[in-house]
Protein backbone atom coordinates (compact mmCIF):
# COMPACT_ATOMS: atom_id res chain seq x y z
CA MET A 1 3.04 7.90 6.07
CA THR A 2 6.52 9.35 5.97
CA LEU A 3 6.47 13.01 5.04
CA VAL A 4 9.82 13.01 3.27
CA ARG A 5 8.84 13.34 -0.35
CA THR A 6 11.42 13.20 -3.05
CA LEU A 7 10.13 12.63 -6.54
CA PHE A 8 11.07 8.99 -6.09
CA ILE A 9 8.91 8.68 -3.00
CA ALA A 10 6.04 10.53 -4.66
CA ALA A 11 6.06 8.22 -7.65
CA LEU A 12 6.78 5.05 -5.71
CA VAL A 13 4.11 5.63 -3.06
CA CYS A 14 1.58 6.69 -5.68
CA VAL A 15 2.11 3.51 -7.70
CA LEU A 16 2.63 1.00 -4.94
CA SER A 17 -0.40 2.25 -3.04
CA ALA A 18 -2.55 0.97 -5.87
CA LEU A 19 -0.64 -2.15 -6.77
CA PRO A 20 -1.77 -5.52 -5.42
CA ALA A 21 -1.83 -5.16 -1.66
CA ALA A 22 -1.98 -7.80 0.99
CA VAL A 23 -5.27 -8.75 2.60
CA VAL A 24 -4.38 -7.92 6.18
CA ALA A 25 -6.06 -8.17 9.52
CA GLN A 26 -5.14 -7.90 13.15
CA VAL A 27 -6.19 -11.05 14.97
CA SER A 28 -6.93 -11.04 18.68
CA GLY A 29 -6.44 -14.74 19.32
CA ALA A 30 -5.52 -18.11 17.88
CA SER A 31 -7.92 -19.61 15.35
CA PRO A 32 -6.68 -23.11 14.49
CA LYS A 33 -10.05 -24.08 13.00
CA LEU A 34 -12.54 -22.15 10.95
CA ALA A 35 -15.18 -20.77 13.29
CA THR A 36 -18.72 -21.98 12.77
CA PRO A 37 -20.58 -19.43 10.62
CA PRO A 38 -23.30 -17.46 12.43
CA VAL A 39 -26.79 -18.92 12.13
CA GLY A 40 -27.91 -16.35 9.58
CA ALA A 41 -24.97 -17.27 7.34
CA GLN A 42 -25.89 -20.96 7.24
CA ALA A 43 -28.10 -22.24 4.45
CA VAL A 44 -31.59 -23.48 5.27
CA ASN A 45 -33.19 -26.01 2.90
CA GLY A 46 -30.63 -25.16 0.23
CA HIS A 47 -31.26 -21.41 0.44
CA LEU A 48 -29.11 -18.54 1.71
CA ASP A 49 -29.98 -14.85 1.63
CA PRO A 50 -26.70 -12.92 1.11
CA GLU A 51 -28.06 -9.80 2.83
CA VAL A 52 -29.20 -11.72 5.89
CA ALA A 53 -25.91 -13.64 5.98
CA THR A 54 -23.95 -10.39 5.73
CA ARG A 55 -25.86 -8.83 8.62
CA ALA A 56 -25.28 -11.98 10.66
CA TYR A 57 -21.54 -11.71 10.18
CA LEU A 58 -21.53 -7.96 10.90
CA ALA A 59 -23.34 -8.65 14.17
CA THR A 60 -20.49 -10.89 15.35
CA LEU A 61 -18.23 -7.86 15.92
CA PRO A 62 -18.64 -6.64 19.53
CA SER A 63 -19.71 -3.01 19.86
CA ASP A 64 -16.57 -1.96 21.74
CA LYS A 65 -14.29 -3.37 19.06
CA LYS A 66 -16.41 -1.76 16.36
CA ALA A 67 -16.16 1.62 18.08
CA LYS A 68 -12.38 1.27 18.37
CA SER A 69 -11.85 0.30 14.74
CA ASP A 70 -14.21 3.05 13.56
CA ALA A 71 -12.27 5.62 15.57
CA TYR A 72 -8.93 4.43 14.21
CA PHE A 73 -10.03 4.40 10.60
CA GLU A 74 -12.01 7.65 10.73
CA GLY A 75 -8.98 9.30 12.32
CA GLY A 76 -7.14 8.30 9.18
CA TYR A 77 -9.40 10.58 7.16
CA TRP A 78 -7.97 13.54 9.06
CA LEU A 79 -4.45 12.20 8.66
CA ILE A 80 -4.85 12.46 4.89
CA LEU A 81 -5.47 16.18 5.36
CA TRP A 82 -2.84 16.76 8.03
CA ASP A 83 -0.19 14.84 6.12
CA PHE A 84 -0.74 17.19 3.20
CA VAL A 85 -0.86 20.32 5.35
CA ILE A 86 2.34 19.50 7.24
CA THR A 87 4.10 18.49 4.02
CA ALA A 88 3.02 21.76 2.39
CA VAL A 89 4.20 23.81 5.39
CA ILE A 90 7.64 22.18 5.26
CA TYR A 91 8.06 22.83 1.53
CA ILE A 92 6.78 26.41 1.77
CA ALA A 93 9.15 27.07 4.68
CA LEU A 94 12.10 25.82 2.65
CA LEU A 95 11.17 28.25 -0.12
CA ALA A 96 10.12 31.27 1.96
CA THR A 97 13.18 31.22 4.24
CA GLY A 98 15.55 30.87 1.31
CA LEU A 99 16.94 27.66 2.80
CA SER A 100 16.37 25.76 -0.42
CA ALA A 101 18.36 28.37 -2.35
CA ARG A 102 21.15 28.26 0.23
CA MET A 103 21.34 24.45 -0.09
CA ARG A 104 21.66 24.86 -3.85
CA ASN A 105 24.37 27.46 -3.41
CA ALA A 106 26.27 25.14 -1.08
CA ALA A 107 26.09 22.36 -3.67
CA GLU A 108 27.37 24.72 -6.38
CA ARG A 109 30.34 25.70 -4.24
CA MET A 110 31.29 22.04 -3.87
CA THR A 111 31.24 21.10 -7.56
CA LYS A 112 30.81 22.56 -11.04
CA SER A 113 29.01 19.46 -12.33
CA PRO A 114 25.24 20.05 -12.68
CA THR A 115 24.61 16.37 -12.03
CA LEU A 116 26.63 16.31 -8.83
CA GLN A 117 25.00 19.57 -7.77
CA SER A 118 21.57 17.95 -7.99
CA VAL A 119 22.89 14.93 -6.09
CA LEU A 120 24.30 17.05 -3.27
CA TYR A 121 21.15 19.14 -3.11
CA GLY A 122 19.09 15.94 -2.96
CA VAL A 123 21.10 14.68 0.01
CA LEU A 124 20.61 17.95 1.89
CA PHE A 125 16.93 18.13 1.00
CA ILE A 126 16.14 14.59 2.16
CA ALA A 127 18.12 15.04 5.37
CA VAL A 128 16.49 18.37 6.28
CA THR A 129 12.92 17.29 5.53
CA THR A 130 13.42 14.03 7.43
CA VAL A 131 14.56 15.85 10.56
CA VAL A 132 11.83 18.48 10.38
CA ALA A 133 9.06 15.95 9.79
CA LEU A 134 10.27 13.50 12.43
CA PRO A 135 8.01 14.64 15.33
CA TRP A 136 4.89 14.20 13.21
CA VAL A 137 6.12 10.89 11.83
CA ILE A 138 6.73 9.63 15.37
CA TYR A 139 3.20 10.55 16.38
CA GLU A 140 1.55 9.06 13.31
CA GLY A 141 3.68 5.98 12.87
CA PHE A 142 4.55 5.11 16.48
CA VAL A 143 2.43 6.84 19.13
CA ARG A 144 -0.88 6.45 17.34
CA GLU A 145 -0.22 2.86 16.28
CA HIS A 146 0.64 1.89 19.86
CA SER A 147 -2.41 3.68 21.25
CA TYR A 148 -4.59 1.38 19.14
CA GLY A 149 -2.51 -1.72 19.88
CA LEU A 150 -1.36 -2.25 16.30
CA SER A 151 2.42 -2.12 16.73
CA ASN A 152 4.85 -4.45 18.51
CA LEU A 153 7.92 -2.23 18.11
CA ARG A 154 9.50 -0.29 20.93
CA LEU A 155 10.66 3.23 20.12
CA GLY A 156 14.31 2.29 19.61
CA ALA A 157 13.47 -0.52 17.20
CA TRP A 158 10.94 1.67 15.41
CA LEU A 159 13.52 4.44 14.96
CA MET A 160 15.99 1.89 13.62
CA GLU A 161 13.47 0.87 10.97
CA GLN A 162 12.91 4.52 10.10
CA ALA A 163 16.67 4.90 9.72
CA LYS A 164 16.72 1.98 7.30
CA GLY A 165 13.88 3.55 5.34
CA PHE A 166 15.77 6.84 5.30
CA GLY A 167 18.81 5.09 3.83
CA ILE A 168 16.73 3.51 1.07
CA SER A 169 15.03 6.83 0.32
CA LEU A 170 18.39 8.56 0.25
CA VAL A 171 19.93 6.16 -2.28
CA PHE A 172 17.00 5.86 -4.66
CA GLY A 173 15.67 9.37 -4.08
CA VAL A 174 18.96 11.08 -4.84
CA LEU A 175 19.42 8.91 -7.91
CA LEU A 176 15.98 9.85 -9.23
CA ILE A 177 16.51 13.53 -8.48
CA ALA A 178 19.72 13.43 -10.52
CA VAL A 179 17.95 11.65 -13.39
CA LEU A 180 14.99 14.02 -13.40
CA TYR A 181 17.09 17.16 -13.40
CA ALA A 182 19.25 15.71 -16.18
CA ILE A 183 16.04 15.22 -18.17
CA VAL A 184 14.96 18.80 -17.46
CA ARG A 185 18.28 20.17 -18.67
CA LYS A 186 18.16 18.02 -21.81
CA LEU A 187 14.44 18.42 -22.61
CA PRO A 188 13.25 21.67 -21.00
CA ARG A 189 9.91 21.75 -22.86
CA THR A 190 8.83 18.11 -22.63
CA TRP A 191 10.56 17.21 -19.36
CA TRP A 192 7.23 16.52 -17.66
CA VAL A 193 6.48 13.62 -20.02
CA TRP A 194 9.89 11.98 -19.80
CA GLY A 195 10.26 12.82 -16.12
CA ALA A 196 6.98 11.12 -15.34
CA LEU A 197 8.05 8.04 -17.26
CA ALA A 198 11.32 7.99 -15.32
CA GLY A 199 9.36 8.18 -12.06
CA VAL A 200 7.16 5.26 -13.10
CA ALA A 201 10.23 3.27 -14.14
CA PHE A 202 11.82 3.81 -10.74
CA ALA A 203 8.58 2.81 -9.03
CA PHE A 204 8.40 -0.38 -11.06
CA LEU A 205 12.04 -1.04 -10.19
CA GLY A 206 10.95 -0.91 -6.56
CA VAL A 207 8.29 -3.54 -7.26
CA VAL A 208 10.84 -5.82 -8.91
CA ALA A 209 13.53 -5.31 -6.27
CA GLY A 210 11.23 -5.31 -3.25
CA PRO A 211 10.93 -9.05 -2.50
CA VAL A 212 14.63 -9.84 -2.92
CA LEU A 213 16.38 -6.62 -1.91
CA ILE A 214 14.10 -4.45 0.22
CA THR A 215 12.13 -6.94 2.34
CA PRO A 216 15.26 -8.62 3.81
CA ILE A 217 16.40 -5.24 5.15
CA PHE A 218 13.42 -5.18 7.51
CA ASN A 219 12.55 -8.86 7.96
CA SER A 220 14.09 -12.31 7.65
CA PRO A 221 12.34 -14.30 4.90
CA LYS A 222 12.62 -18.06 5.05
CA LYS A 223 11.08 -20.91 3.12
CA LEU A 224 8.02 -22.36 4.82
CA ALA A 225 8.26 -26.11 5.40
CA ASP A 226 4.85 -26.86 6.95
CA ALA A 227 3.24 -29.16 4.36
CA ARG A 228 -0.28 -28.63 5.72
CA VAL A 229 0.03 -24.97 4.68
CA VAL A 230 2.42 -25.18 1.74
CA ASP A 231 0.74 -27.97 -0.23
CA PRO A 232 -2.71 -26.32 -0.56
CA ILE A 233 -1.13 -22.98 -1.47
CA LEU A 234 1.08 -24.48 -4.17
CA ARG A 235 -1.91 -26.45 -5.46
CA LEU A 236 -3.83 -23.18 -5.82
CA ALA A 237 -0.82 -21.65 -7.55
CA ARG A 238 -0.51 -24.49 -10.08
CA GLN A 239 -4.25 -24.40 -10.77
CA ASN A 240 -3.87 -20.75 -11.76
CA GLY A 241 -0.70 -21.03 -13.82
CA ILE A 242 1.64 -19.63 -11.18
CA GLY A 243 4.91 -21.51 -11.41
CA ALA A 244 5.96 -21.12 -7.78
CA THR A 245 7.77 -24.00 -6.09
CA ASP A 246 8.18 -22.44 -2.64
CA VAL A 247 6.19 -20.48 -0.09
CA TRP A 248 8.04 -17.92 2.03
CA GLU A 249 7.44 -16.76 5.58
CA ILE A 250 8.50 -13.46 7.12
CA ASP A 251 8.74 -12.57 10.81
CA ALA A 252 6.31 -9.65 10.74
CA SER A 253 5.28 -10.23 14.35
CA LYS A 254 8.31 -8.28 15.52
CA GLN A 255 6.69 -5.19 14.00
CA THR A 256 2.94 -5.62 13.95
CA LYS A 257 -0.05 -7.59 15.17
CA ARG A 258 -1.60 -7.65 11.71
CA ILE A 259 -1.59 -10.72 9.52
CA SER A 260 -0.71 -10.48 5.85
CA ALA A 261 0.26 -12.38 2.74
CA ASN A 262 1.14 -11.46 -0.82
CA VAL A 263 2.30 -12.61 -4.20
CA SER A 264 4.81 -9.85 -4.86
CA GLY A 265 7.49 -8.97 -7.36
CA ALA A 266 7.66 -9.01 -11.15
CA MET A 267 9.87 -10.18 -14.02
CA GLY A 268 11.24 -13.22 -12.24
CA THR A 269 11.33 -11.91 -8.67
CA GLU A 270 7.81 -13.11 -7.78
CA ARG A 271 7.36 -14.70 -4.37
CA ILE A 272 4.44 -16.16 -2.45
CA THR A 273 4.86 -14.85 1.07
CA LEU A 274 2.91 -15.22 4.31
CA ASN A 275 3.78 -13.59 7.59
CA ASP A 276 4.06 -15.48 10.84
CA ASN A 277 0.99 -13.81 12.32
CA LEU A 278 -1.15 -15.31 9.57
CA LEU A 279 0.39 -18.73 10.05
CA ASN A 280 -0.05 -18.71 13.82
CA ARG A 281 -3.50 -17.17 14.08
CA ALA A 282 -5.55 -18.09 11.02
CA SER A 283 -7.27 -21.31 10.01
CA LEU A 284 -6.27 -23.15 6.86
CA GLU A 285 -9.51 -22.01 5.24
CA GLU A 286 -8.74 -18.39 6.01
CA ILE A 287 -5.19 -18.77 4.71
CA GLU A 288 -6.50 -20.26 1.47
CA ALA A 289 -9.02 -17.43 1.13
CA VAL A 290 -6.26 -14.85 1.56
CA MET A 291 -3.93 -16.59 -0.88
CA GLY A 292 -6.67 -16.93 -3.48
CA HIS A 293 -7.08 -13.16 -3.32
CA GLU A 294 -3.34 -12.56 -3.64
CA MET A 295 -3.01 -14.93 -6.55
CA GLY A 296 -5.82 -13.01 -8.21
CA HIS A 297 -3.63 -9.93 -8.29
CA TYR A 298 -0.89 -11.92 -10.00
CA VAL A 299 -3.05 -13.75 -12.53
CA LEU A 300 -4.99 -10.60 -13.42
CA ASN A 301 -1.70 -8.72 -14.02
CA HIS A 302 -2.61 -5.93 -11.62
CA VAL A 303 1.03 -4.89 -11.19
CA TYR A 304 1.30 -4.02 -14.87
CA LYS A 305 -2.23 -2.66 -15.36
CA GLU A 306 -2.10 -0.37 -12.38
CA THR A 307 1.41 0.79 -13.15
CA MET A 308 0.00 2.00 -16.47
CA GLU A 309 -3.04 3.60 -14.81
CA LEU A 310 -0.99 5.37 -12.19
CA GLY A 311 1.57 6.27 -14.82
CA ILE A 312 -1.13 8.22 -16.65
CA LEU A 313 -2.05 10.04 -13.44
CA ILE A 314 1.60 10.86 -12.79
CA VAL A 315 2.01 12.25 -16.31
CA ILE A 316 -1.04 14.48 -15.72
CA GLY A 317 0.41 15.51 -12.37
CA PHE A 318 3.73 16.47 -13.90
CA ALA A 319 1.85 18.43 -16.58
CA VAL A 320 0.08 20.36 -13.81
CA VAL A 321 3.45 21.03 -12.17
CA ALA A 322 4.93 22.25 -15.46
CA TRP A 323 1.93 24.56 -15.99
CA LEU A 324 2.00 26.14 -12.52
CA PHE A 325 5.71 26.11 -11.69
CA GLU A 326 6.83 29.07 -13.79
CA ARG A 327 3.86 31.21 -12.80
CA LEU A 328 4.62 30.81 -9.11
CA ARG A 329 8.37 31.01 -9.57
CA ALA A 330 8.12 34.34 -11.38
CA ARG A 331 5.77 35.77 -8.77
CA TYR A 332 8.00 34.89 -5.81
CA GLU A 333 11.39 35.00 -7.53
CA ALA A 334 12.87 37.62 -5.22
CA THR A 335 12.10 35.56 -2.10
CA TRP A 336 12.57 32.01 -3.35
CA GLN A 337 15.59 32.72 -5.60
CA ILE A 338 14.64 29.93 -8.00
CA ARG A 339 16.22 30.42 -11.42
CA GLY A 340 14.01 28.07 -13.41
CA ILE A 341 12.59 24.58 -13.65
CA GLY A 342 16.10 23.17 -14.01
CA ASP A 343 17.22 24.69 -10.69
CA PRO A 344 17.32 22.11 -7.86
CA ALA A 345 16.30 24.87 -5.45
CA GLY A 346 12.85 24.58 -7.02
CA LEU A 347 12.39 20.98 -5.88
CA PRO A 348 10.23 21.95 -2.87
CA LEU A 349 7.90 23.82 -5.23
CA VAL A 350 7.73 20.85 -7.61
CA LEU A 351 6.90 18.53 -4.73
CA LEU A 352 4.41 20.98 -3.21
CA LEU A 353 2.46 21.15 -6.47
CA PHE A 354 2.60 17.39 -6.92
CA ALA A 355 1.50 16.81 -3.33
CA ALA A 356 -1.49 19.13 -3.84
CA TYR A 357 -2.41 17.27 -7.02
CA SER A 358 -2.09 13.91 -5.28
CA PHE A 359 -4.26 15.13 -2.40
CA VAL A 360 -7.01 16.27 -4.76
CA ILE A 361 -7.11 13.01 -6.72
CA THR A 362 -7.11 10.79 -3.62
CA PRO A 363 -10.63 9.49 -4.41
CA VAL A 364 -9.47 8.60 -7.93
CA THR A 365 -6.42 6.64 -6.79
CA ASN A 366 -8.48 4.97 -4.06
CA THR A 367 -11.06 3.92 -6.65
CA LEU A 368 -8.42 2.43 -8.93
CA THR A 369 -7.00 0.40 -6.07
CA ARG A 370 -10.37 -0.59 -4.67
CA THR A 371 -11.50 -1.82 -8.07
CA ALA A 372 -8.47 -4.06 -8.41
CA GLU A 373 -8.94 -5.35 -4.87
CA TYR A 374 -12.57 -6.24 -5.62
CA GLU A 375 -11.49 -8.11 -8.76
CA ALA A 376 -8.99 -10.05 -6.67
CA ASP A 377 -11.69 -10.76 -4.07
CA VAL A 378 -13.93 -12.37 -6.68
CA PHE A 379 -11.02 -14.28 -8.19
CA GLY A 380 -10.03 -15.54 -4.77
CA LEU A 381 -13.52 -16.80 -4.00
CA ASN A 382 -13.66 -18.66 -7.28
CA THR A 383 -10.26 -20.27 -6.89
CA ALA A 384 -10.06 -20.96 -3.12
CA ARG A 385 -13.80 -21.59 -2.67
CA GLN A 386 -13.72 -20.46 0.95
CA PRO A 387 -16.51 -17.88 1.39
CA ASP A 388 -16.72 -18.24 5.17
CA GLY A 389 -12.96 -18.13 5.47
CA PHE A 390 -12.96 -14.91 3.47
CA ALA A 391 -15.83 -13.44 5.51
CA GLN A 392 -14.05 -14.22 8.77
CA ILE A 393 -10.84 -12.60 7.50
CA ALA A 394 -12.91 -9.51 6.68
CA ILE A 395 -14.23 -9.43 10.25
CA LYS A 396 -10.69 -9.64 11.62
CA LEU A 397 -9.54 -6.94 9.25
CA SER A 398 -12.19 -4.69 10.75
CA GLU A 399 -10.13 -4.44 13.93
CA TYR A 400 -8.22 -1.65 12.19
CA ARG A 401 -10.50 -0.78 9.26
CA LYS A 402 -14.05 0.49 9.63
CA LEU A 403 -16.34 -2.43 8.85
CA ASP A 404 -19.55 -0.81 7.63
CA PRO A 405 -19.09 2.67 6.12
CA GLY A 406 -21.64 4.71 4.18
CA PRO A 407 -21.55 4.33 0.38
CA TRP A 408 -19.87 7.67 -0.31
CA GLU A 409 -17.50 7.19 2.59
CA GLU A 410 -16.32 3.97 0.98
CA LYS A 411 -15.99 5.57 -2.46
CA ILE A 412 -13.87 8.47 -1.20
CA PHE A 413 -11.72 7.07 1.59
CA TYR A 414 -11.39 3.32 1.01
CA ASP A 415 -8.58 1.88 -1.09
CA HIS A 416 -9.99 -1.63 -0.44
CA PRO A 417 -13.59 -2.80 -0.45
CA SER A 418 -15.11 -2.35 2.99
CA GLY A 419 -15.62 -5.36 5.23
CA ARG A 420 -19.35 -5.24 4.55
CA THR A 421 -18.78 -5.29 0.78
CA ARG A 422 -16.36 -8.19 1.08
CA ILE A 423 -18.65 -10.22 3.32
CA PHE A 424 -21.61 -9.64 1.01
CA THR A 425 -19.50 -10.67 -1.98
CA ALA A 426 -18.51 -13.86 -0.18
CA MET A 427 -22.07 -14.66 0.93
CA ARG A 428 -23.45 -13.99 -2.55
CA TRP A 429 -20.85 -16.40 -3.94
CA LYS A 430 -21.82 -18.93 -1.28
CA ALA A 431 -25.52 -18.60 -2.10
CA GLU A 432 -24.85 -19.20 -5.79
CA ASN A 433 -22.70 -22.25 -5.06
CA LEU A 434 -24.82 -23.99 -2.43
CA PRO A 435 -24.96 -27.31 -4.32
CA ALA A 436 -21.16 -27.39 -4.19
CA THR A 437 -20.96 -26.24 -0.57
CA ASN A 438 -23.74 -28.42 0.84
CA GLY A 439 -25.25 -25.41 2.55
CA ALA A 440 -22.32 -24.70 4.84
CA THR A 441 -18.78 -23.98 3.82
CA THR A 442 -16.76 -25.14 0.86
CA PRO A 443 -14.23 -27.96 0.88
CA SER A 444 -10.65 -27.00 1.55
CA ALA A 445 -8.46 -26.59 -1.52
CA SER A 446 -6.28 -29.24 0.03
CA SER A 447 -9.05 -31.77 -0.58
CA ALA A 448 -10.53 -30.35 -3.78
CA SER A 449 -9.64 -31.97 -7.06
CA GLY A 450 -9.31 -28.65 -8.85
CA ASN A 451 -11.42 -25.92 -10.40
CA PRO A 452 -11.92 -24.95 -14.06
């Protein structure tokens, strides 16, 4: 994750990390047809044991691939810690060296307007933290991803995408910084309530603008014309009250080997999108299983529900910042030269406190997201009726996510249900629907007459 953290990024990442996410998986080869389920996952005399079926699917993952995915995902546990530590070091350095105060002073020399001062400080802050964090970002986002075979970008192209992200952060981040400091000046006692609401509003703006404004900056969306894929997806959409008339494709293969799909956007900007990796490497049954999951997020209003949930957490976080800020500011006033909560020079302290709060509540935010993902899993099984397609997507997803964690490991570190949980959910659904599935797999949505 990028270490540049303006209040916009803090709010946006916090919210979007728990909003409906794509079911994604790296796929090692073409899969034009659904693979035959393992023997243990096939019904015998109209009976299927979900536990046995789950173990049969888990056993299909070769030991070397399991070891690689476990290493990648478990390494991510340490990245959560190191991301926080490095972020904290950068913010503390800005305060302890007086650089933050000098950036504020430079902004004050350029203009007498408090609003423009916060804007100029925001530009300097984002630029400095981006440059300082860049070596770590290169390791985490480029070197590590390539070492596990998950990225298709060369360094130059990857840096270009980082530059685009920097531009977006600069525009929206500076705007939010100006808004938040205007709120602080206007409402010095209750700024943390209204500031948190402003952060949530900006995050939701990102959700709305993402499909039509942000995605085209990095990829080239186009309408998908392949009827064998489009027709079943639109049929699923109509069955669930989604008024989409098109399915979009993006060229994600230029960046990654993972496959993904989503129903993204809000308030009229919704789009059903699949990436080209999914289209080229997954069977129709797997595609339908993925899209059933994604439509579940939309139908269950997860964008709005989780925006509210995360909004509450952000309000609490800002309250923590308001409680601790003045205590620390007064203690280190001589060194940090921060005049008060309305001083832009205090932004590193605000972000440091919020980053610490976010780090501590990681299991809470993961649980919120994981719960929504599980709800979408169940919805997807009921609407797409492709339990083996969903199980096989879970196996492919395990190429970058640990397949079979311990129960507490899943509760703390997973923001999606583990592969084992997803496979068991699919096999339990299959066992309960054997009369409809004839003991094997379910009919494709393209041939089904519809579901209640």
